[in-house]
PDB file of all heavy atoms in Angstrom:
ATOM      1  N   CYS A   1       2.030  -6.642  12.123  1.00  0.00           N
ATOM      2  CA  CYS A   1       3.031  -7.212  11.229  1.00  0.00           C
ATOM      3  C   CYS A   1       3.580  -6.208  10.225  1.00  0.00           C
ATOM      4  O   CYS A   1       4.590  -6.491   9.562  1.00  0.00           O
ATOM      5  CB  CYS A   1       2.465  -8.420  10.485  1.00  0.00           C
ATOM      6  SG  CYS A   1       0.962  -8.091   9.545  1.00  0.00           S
ATOM      7  N   GLU A   2       2.956  -5.034  10.101  1.00  0.00           N
ATOM      8  CA  GLU A   2       3.437  -4.064   9.118  1.00  0.00           C
ATOM      9  C   GLU A   2       2.975  -2.667   9.486  1.00  0.00           C
ATOM     10  O   GLU A   2       1.876  -2.472  10.017  1.00  0.00           O
ATOM     11  CB  GLU A   2       2.928  -4.425   7.714  1.00  0.00           C
ATOM     12  CG  GLU A   2       3.445  -3.531   6.602  1.00  0.00           C
ATOM     13  CD  GLU A   2       2.992  -3.991   5.225  1.00  0.00           C
ATOM     14  OE1 GLU A   2       2.783  -5.214   5.032  1.00  0.00           O
ATOM     15  OE2 GLU A   2       2.837  -3.133   4.340  1.00  0.00           O
ATOM     16  N   CYS A   3       3.816  -1.680   9.220  1.00  0.00           N
ATOM     17  CA  CYS A   3       3.466  -0.266   9.354  1.00  0.00           C
ATOM     18  C   CYS A   3       4.112   0.477   8.198  1.00  0.00           C
ATOM     19  O   CYS A   3       5.169   0.079   7.694  1.00  0.00           O
ATOM     20  CB  CYS A   3       3.986   0.330  10.662  1.00  0.00           C
ATOM     21  SG  CYS A   3       3.070  -0.142  12.127  1.00  0.00           S
ATOM     22  N   GLY A   4       3.506   1.583   7.791  1.00  0.00           N
ATOM     23  CA  GLY A   4       4.136   2.348   6.728  1.00  0.00           C
ATOM     24  C   GLY A   4       3.461   3.677   6.469  1.00  0.00           C
ATOM     25  O   GLY A   4       2.406   3.993   7.025  1.00  0.00           O
ATOM     26  N   PHE A   5       4.115   4.460   5.631  1.00  0.00           N
ATOM     27  CA  PHE A   5       3.557   5.722   5.161  1.00  0.00           C
ATOM     28  C   PHE A   5       4.061   5.953   3.745  1.00  0.00           C
ATOM     29  O   PHE A   5       5.102   5.432   3.339  1.00  0.00           O
ATOM     30  CB  PHE A   5       3.966   6.891   6.073  1.00  0.00           C
ATOM     31  CG  PHE A   5       5.449   7.177   6.072  1.00  0.00           C
ATOM     32  CD1 PHE A   5       6.010   8.033   5.133  1.00  0.00           C
ATOM     33  CD2 PHE A   5       6.284   6.580   7.003  1.00  0.00           C
ATOM     34  CE1 PHE A   5       7.379   8.287   5.127  1.00  0.00           C
ATOM     35  CE2 PHE A   5       7.655   6.827   6.999  1.00  0.00           C
ATOM     36  CZ  PHE A   5       8.205   7.685   6.060  1.00  0.00           C
ATOM     37  N   GLU A   6       3.324   6.746   2.980  1.00  0.00           N
ATOM     38  CA  GLU A   6       3.767   7.078   1.629  1.00  0.00           C
ATOM     39  C   GLU A   6       3.120   8.373   1.173  1.00  0.00           C
ATOM     40  O   GLU A   6       1.935   8.605   1.403  1.00  0.00           O
ATOM     41  CB  GLU A   6       3.441   5.966   0.636  1.00  0.00           C
ATOM     42  CG  GLU A   6       3.955   6.264  -0.767  1.00  0.00           C
ATOM     43  CD  GLU A   6       3.850   5.086  -1.709  1.00  0.00           C
ATOM     44  OE1 GLU A   6       3.199   4.082  -1.348  1.00  0.00           O
ATOM     45  OE2 GLU A   6       4.413   5.168  -2.823  1.00  0.00           O
ATOM     46  N   GLU A   7       3.921   9.209   0.557  1.00  0.00           N
ATOM     47  CA  GLU A   7       3.433  10.401  -0.131  1.00  0.00           C
ATOM     48  C   GLU A   7       3.602  10.123  -1.626  1.00  0.00           C
ATOM     49  O   GLU A   7       4.711  10.114  -2.141  1.00  0.00           O
ATOM     50  CB  GLU A   7       4.223  11.638   0.282  1.00  0.00           C
ATOM     51  CG  GLU A   7       3.729  12.925  -0.370  1.00  0.00           C
ATOM     52  CD  GLU A   7       4.473  14.148   0.133  1.00  0.00           C
ATOM     53  OE1 GLU A   7       5.269  14.008   1.074  1.00  0.00           O
ATOM     54  OE2 GLU A   7       4.243  15.226  -0.432  1.00  0.00           O
ATOM     55  N   CYS A   8       2.496   9.866  -2.296  1.00  0.00           N
ATOM     56  CA  CYS A   8       2.548   9.354  -3.658  1.00  0.00           C
ATOM     57  C   CYS A   8       2.783  10.460  -4.686  1.00  0.00           C
ATOM     58  O   CYS A   8       2.324  11.593  -4.524  1.00  0.00           O
ATOM     59  CB  CYS A   8       1.252   8.628  -4.001  1.00  0.00           C
ATOM     60  SG  CYS A   8       0.995   7.115  -3.066  1.00  0.00           S
ATOM     61  N   ARG A   9       3.441  10.091  -5.750  1.00  0.00           N
ATOM     62  CA  ARG A   9       3.583  10.962  -6.914  1.00  0.00           C
ATOM     63  C   ARG A   9       2.367  10.773  -7.818  1.00  0.00           C
ATOM     64  O   ARG A   9       1.753   9.703  -7.829  1.00  0.00           O
ATOM     65  CB  ARG A   9       4.861  10.623  -7.687  1.00  0.00           C
ATOM     66  CG  ARG A   9       6.137  10.873  -6.884  1.00  0.00           C
ATOM     67  CD  ARG A   9       7.364  10.501  -7.694  1.00  0.00           C
ATOM     68  NE  ARG A   9       8.590  10.721  -6.943  1.00  0.00           N
ATOM     69  CZ  ARG A   9       9.240  11.884  -6.902  1.00  0.00           C
ATOM     70  NH1 ARG A   9       8.764  12.918  -7.604  1.00  0.00           N
ATOM     71  NH2 ARG A   9      10.345  12.015  -6.207  1.00  0.00           N
ATOM     72  N   PRO A  10       2.008  11.811  -8.607  1.00  0.00           N
ATOM     73  CA  PRO A  10       0.827  11.695  -9.472  1.00  0.00           C
ATOM     74  C   PRO A  10       0.928  10.551 -10.471  1.00  0.00           C
ATOM     75  O   PRO A  10      -0.083   9.987 -10.890  1.00  0.00           O
ATOM     76  CB  PRO A  10       0.788  13.048 -10.198  1.00  0.00           C
ATOM     77  CG  PRO A  10       1.577  13.976  -9.335  1.00  0.00           C
ATOM     78  CD  PRO A  10       2.629  13.133  -8.685  1.00  0.00           C
ATOM     79  N   THR A  11       2.159  10.194 -10.850  1.00  0.00           N
ATOM     80  CA  THR A  11       2.353   9.186 -11.889  1.00  0.00           C
ATOM     81  C   THR A  11       2.503   7.771 -11.335  1.00  0.00           C
ATOM     82  O   THR A  11       2.769   6.839 -12.086  1.00  0.00           O
ATOM     83  CB  THR A  11       3.612   9.524 -12.710  1.00  0.00           C
ATOM     84  OG1 THR A  11       4.736   9.654 -11.817  1.00  0.00           O
ATOM     85  CG2 THR A  11       3.413  10.825 -13.467  1.00  0.00           C
ATOM     86  N   LYS A  12       2.345   7.599 -10.018  1.00  0.00           N
ATOM     87  CA  LYS A  12       2.532   6.264  -9.448  1.00  0.00           C
ATOM     88  C   LYS A  12       1.477   5.301  -9.997  1.00  0.00           C
ATOM     89  O   LYS A  12       0.284   5.605  -9.979  1.00  0.00           O
ATOM     90  CB  LYS A  12       2.433   6.304  -7.929  1.00  0.00           C
ATOM     91  CG  LYS A  12       2.631   4.914  -7.335  1.00  0.00           C
ATOM     92  CD  LYS A  12       2.600   4.898  -5.839  1.00  0.00           C
ATOM     93  CE  LYS A  12       2.786   3.460  -5.360  1.00  0.00           C
ATOM     94  NZ  LYS A  12       2.829   3.344  -3.918  1.00  0.00           N
ATOM     95  N   PRO A  13       1.886   4.124 -10.496  1.00  0.00           N
ATOM     96  CA  PRO A  13       0.910   3.150 -11.005  1.00  0.00           C
ATOM     97  C   PRO A  13       0.107   2.543  -9.870  1.00  0.00           C
ATOM     98  O   PRO A  13       0.459   2.658  -8.698  1.00  0.00           O
ATOM     99  CB  PRO A  13       1.791   2.100 -11.684  1.00  0.00           C
ATOM    100  CG  PRO A  13       3.085   2.177 -10.941  1.00  0.00           C
ATOM    101  CD  PRO A  13       3.269   3.646 -10.586  1.00  0.00           C
ATOM    102  N   TYR A  14      -0.992   1.875 -10.249  1.00  0.00           N
ATOM    103  CA  TYR A  14      -1.825   1.291  -9.203  1.00  0.00           C
ATOM    104  C   TYR A  14      -1.135   0.098  -8.566  1.00  0.00           C
ATOM    105  O   TYR A  14      -0.275  -0.547  -9.146  1.00  0.00           O
ATOM    106  CB  TYR A  14      -3.196   0.894  -9.751  1.00  0.00           C
ATOM    107  CG  TYR A  14      -3.210  -0.285 -10.696  1.00  0.00           C
ATOM    108  CD1 TYR A  14      -3.146  -1.593 -10.211  1.00  0.00           C
ATOM    109  CD2 TYR A  14      -3.318  -0.099 -12.073  1.00  0.00           C
ATOM    110  CE1 TYR A  14      -3.168  -2.674 -11.058  1.00  0.00           C
ATOM    111  CE2 TYR A  14      -3.343  -1.179 -12.936  1.00  0.00           C
ATOM    112  CZ  TYR A  14      -3.282  -2.470 -12.422  1.00  0.00           C
ATOM    113  OH  TYR A  14      -3.304  -3.536 -13.271  1.00  0.00           O
ATOM    114  N   GLU A  15      -1.507  -0.157  -7.317  1.00  0.00           N
ATOM    115  CA  GLU A  15      -0.984  -1.293  -6.574  1.00  0.00           C
ATOM    116  C   GLU A  15      -1.954  -2.463  -6.751  1.00  0.00           C
ATOM    117  O   GLU A  15      -3.158  -2.284  -6.840  1.00  0.00           O
ATOM    118  CB  GLU A  15      -0.890  -0.932  -5.090  1.00  0.00           C
ATOM    119  CG  GLU A  15      -0.154   0.353  -4.826  1.00  0.00           C
ATOM    120  CD  GLU A  15       1.131   0.114  -4.061  1.00  0.00           C
ATOM    121  OE1 GLU A  15       1.456  -1.048  -3.809  1.00  0.00           O
ATOM    122  OE2 GLU A  15       1.797   1.101  -3.734  1.00  0.00           O
ATOM    123  N   PHE A  16      -1.417  -3.660  -6.788  1.00  0.00           N
ATOM    124  CA  PHE A  16      -2.250  -4.861  -6.855  1.00  0.00           C
ATOM    125  C   PHE A  16      -1.556  -5.925  -6.025  1.00  0.00           C
ATOM    126  O   PHE A  16      -0.577  -6.532  -6.464  1.00  0.00           O
ATOM    127  CB  PHE A  16      -2.430  -5.328  -8.294  1.00  0.00           C
ATOM    128  CG  PHE A  16      -3.281  -6.571  -8.410  1.00  0.00           C
ATOM    129  CD1 PHE A  16      -4.639  -6.491  -8.232  1.00  0.00           C
ATOM    130  CD2 PHE A  16      -2.711  -7.809  -8.675  1.00  0.00           C
ATOM    131  CE1 PHE A  16      -5.443  -7.627  -8.332  1.00  0.00           C
ATOM    132  CE2 PHE A  16      -3.497  -8.955  -8.770  1.00  0.00           C
ATOM    133  CZ  PHE A  16      -4.874  -8.863  -8.600  1.00  0.00           C
ATOM    134  N   ILE A  17      -2.020  -6.103  -4.800  1.00  0.00           N
ATOM    135  CA  ILE A  17      -1.303  -6.950  -3.849  1.00  0.00           C
ATOM    136  C   ILE A  17      -2.275  -7.932  -3.190  1.00  0.00           C
ATOM    137  O   ILE A  17      -3.307  -7.529  -2.665  1.00  0.00           O
ATOM    138  CB  ILE A  17      -0.625  -6.096  -2.756  1.00  0.00           C
ATOM    139  CG1 ILE A  17       0.295  -5.050  -3.385  1.00  0.00           C
ATOM    140  CG2 ILE A  17       0.148  -6.978  -1.788  1.00  0.00           C
ATOM    141  CD1 ILE A  17       0.853  -4.065  -2.387  1.00  0.00           C
ATOM    142  N   LEU A  18      -1.935  -9.200  -3.235  1.00  0.00           N
ATOM    143  CA  LEU A  18      -2.658 -10.202  -2.468  1.00  0.00           C
ATOM    144  C   LEU A  18      -1.875 -10.469  -1.188  1.00  0.00           C
ATOM    145  O   LEU A  18      -0.683 -10.784  -1.237  1.00  0.00           O
ATOM    146  CB  LEU A  18      -2.815 -11.493  -3.268  1.00  0.00           C
ATOM    147  CG  LEU A  18      -3.964 -11.533  -4.283  1.00  0.00           C
ATOM    148  CD1 LEU A  18      -3.924 -12.853  -5.046  1.00  0.00           C
ATOM    149  CD2 LEU A  18      -5.307 -11.375  -3.596  1.00  0.00           C
ATOM    150  N   ILE A  19      -2.518 -10.320  -0.047  1.00  0.00           N
ATOM    151  CA  ILE A  19      -1.850 -10.469   1.237  1.00  0.00           C
ATOM    152  C   ILE A  19      -2.624 -11.452   2.104  1.00  0.00           C
ATOM    153  O   ILE A  19      -3.799 -11.742   1.853  1.00  0.00           O
ATOM    154  CB  ILE A  19      -1.737  -9.115   1.961  1.00  0.00           C
ATOM    155  CG1 ILE A  19      -3.110  -8.429   2.020  1.00  0.00           C
ATOM    156  CG2 ILE A  19      -0.728  -8.212   1.271  1.00  0.00           C
ATOM    157  CD1 ILE A  19      -3.129  -7.141   2.778  1.00  0.00           C
ATOM    158  N   ASP A  20      -1.969 -11.963   3.143  1.00  0.00           N
ATOM    159  CA  ASP A  20      -2.631 -12.916   4.031  1.00  0.00           C
ATOM    160  C   ASP A  20      -2.912 -12.307   5.401  1.00  0.00           C
ATOM    161  O   ASP A  20      -3.029 -13.016   6.399  1.00  0.00           O
ATOM    162  CB  ASP A  20      -1.795 -14.188   4.174  1.00  0.00           C
ATOM    163  CG  ASP A  20      -0.423 -13.929   4.792  1.00  0.00           C
ATOM    164  OD1 ASP A  20      -0.078 -12.737   5.015  1.00  0.00           O
ATOM    165  OD2 ASP A  20       0.303 -14.904   5.055  1.00  0.00           O
ATOM    166  N   TYR A  21      -2.987 -10.981   5.458  1.00  0.00           N
ATOM    167  CA  TYR A  21      -3.308 -10.296   6.712  1.00  0.00           C
ATOM    168  C   TYR A  21      -4.181  -9.082   6.405  1.00  0.00           C
ATOM    169  O   TYR A  21      -4.479  -8.787   5.247  1.00  0.00           O
ATOM    170  CB  TYR A  21      -2.040  -9.881   7.459  1.00  0.00           C
ATOM    171  CG  TYR A  21      -1.023  -9.127   6.617  1.00  0.00           C
ATOM    172  CD1 TYR A  21      -1.011  -7.732   6.576  1.00  0.00           C
ATOM    173  CD2 TYR A  21      -0.062  -9.813   5.879  1.00  0.00           C
ATOM    174  CE1 TYR A  21      -0.087  -7.049   5.823  1.00  0.00           C
ATOM    175  CE2 TYR A  21       0.877  -9.136   5.122  1.00  0.00           C
ATOM    176  CZ  TYR A  21       0.863  -7.745   5.090  1.00  0.00           C
ATOM    177  OH  TYR A  21       1.781  -7.070   4.335  1.00  0.00           O
ATOM    178  N   TRP A  22      -4.628  -8.383   7.433  1.00  0.00           N
ATOM    179  CA  TRP A  22      -5.536  -7.241   7.304  1.00  0.00           C
ATOM    180  C   TRP A  22      -4.726  -5.947   7.297  1.00  0.00           C
ATOM    181  O   TRP A  22      -3.857  -5.751   8.141  1.00  0.00           O
ATOM    182  CB  TRP A  22      -6.519  -7.202   8.479  1.00  0.00           C
ATOM    183  CG  TRP A  22      -7.270  -8.473   8.691  1.00  0.00           C
ATOM    184  CD1 TRP A  22      -6.812  -9.594   9.337  1.00  0.00           C
ATOM    185  CD2 TRP A  22      -8.596  -8.780   8.269  1.00  0.00           C
ATOM    186  NE1 TRP A  22      -7.776 -10.574   9.343  1.00  0.00           N
ATOM    187  CE2 TRP A  22      -8.885 -10.103   8.691  1.00  0.00           C
ATOM    188  CE3 TRP A  22      -9.579  -8.068   7.585  1.00  0.00           C
ATOM    189  CZ2 TRP A  22     -10.107 -10.723   8.454  1.00  0.00           C
ATOM    190  CZ3 TRP A  22     -10.801  -8.681   7.342  1.00  0.00           C
ATOM    191  CH2 TRP A  22     -11.061  -9.977   7.762  1.00  0.00           C
ATOM    192  N   VAL A  23      -5.012  -5.059   6.360  1.00  0.00           N
ATOM    193  CA  VAL A  23      -4.299  -3.786   6.279  1.00  0.00           C
ATOM    194  C   VAL A  23      -5.302  -2.637   6.308  1.00  0.00           C
ATOM    195  O   VAL A  23      -6.262  -2.619   5.524  1.00  0.00           O
ATOM    196  CB  VAL A  23      -3.437  -3.683   5.006  1.00  0.00           C
ATOM    197  CG1 VAL A  23      -2.753  -2.325   4.942  1.00  0.00           C
ATOM    198  CG2 VAL A  23      -2.400  -4.790   4.971  1.00  0.00           C
ATOM    199  N   ILE A  24      -5.079  -1.696   7.222  1.00  0.00           N
ATOM    200  CA  ILE A  24      -5.933  -0.508   7.329  1.00  0.00           C
ATOM    201  C   ILE A  24      -5.134   0.710   6.875  1.00  0.00           C
ATOM    202  O   ILE A  24      -4.073   1.001   7.429  1.00  0.00           O
ATOM    203  CB  ILE A  24      -6.409  -0.290   8.773  1.00  0.00           C
ATOM    204  CG1 ILE A  24      -7.107  -1.538   9.303  1.00  0.00           C
ATOM    205  CG2 ILE A  24      -7.353   0.910   8.847  1.00  0.00           C
ATOM    206  CD1 ILE A  24      -7.427  -1.464  10.783  1.00  0.00           C
ATOM    207  N   HIS A  25      -5.622   1.392   5.861  1.00  0.00           N
ATOM    208  CA  HIS A  25      -5.006   2.612   5.354  1.00  0.00           C
ATOM    209  C   HIS A  25      -5.780   3.832   5.857  1.00  0.00           C
ATOM    210  O   HIS A  25      -7.013   3.794   5.966  1.00  0.00           O
ATOM    211  CB  HIS A  25      -5.027   2.648   3.824  1.00  0.00           C
ATOM    212  CG  HIS A  25      -4.118   1.656   3.171  1.00  0.00           C
ATOM    213  ND1 HIS A  25      -4.430   0.320   3.090  1.00  0.00           N
ATOM    214  CD2 HIS A  25      -2.917   1.813   2.554  1.00  0.00           C
ATOM    215  CE1 HIS A  25      -3.454  -0.313   2.452  1.00  0.00           C
ATOM    216  NE2 HIS A  25      -2.537   0.564   2.119  1.00  0.00           N
TER     217      HIS A  25
END
């Protein structure tokens, strides 16, 4: 149901996400 990639910046705030599926990073 989802795919993605990200190259984060040092200043990126934390993520806080409630989801109804399984996500593997």
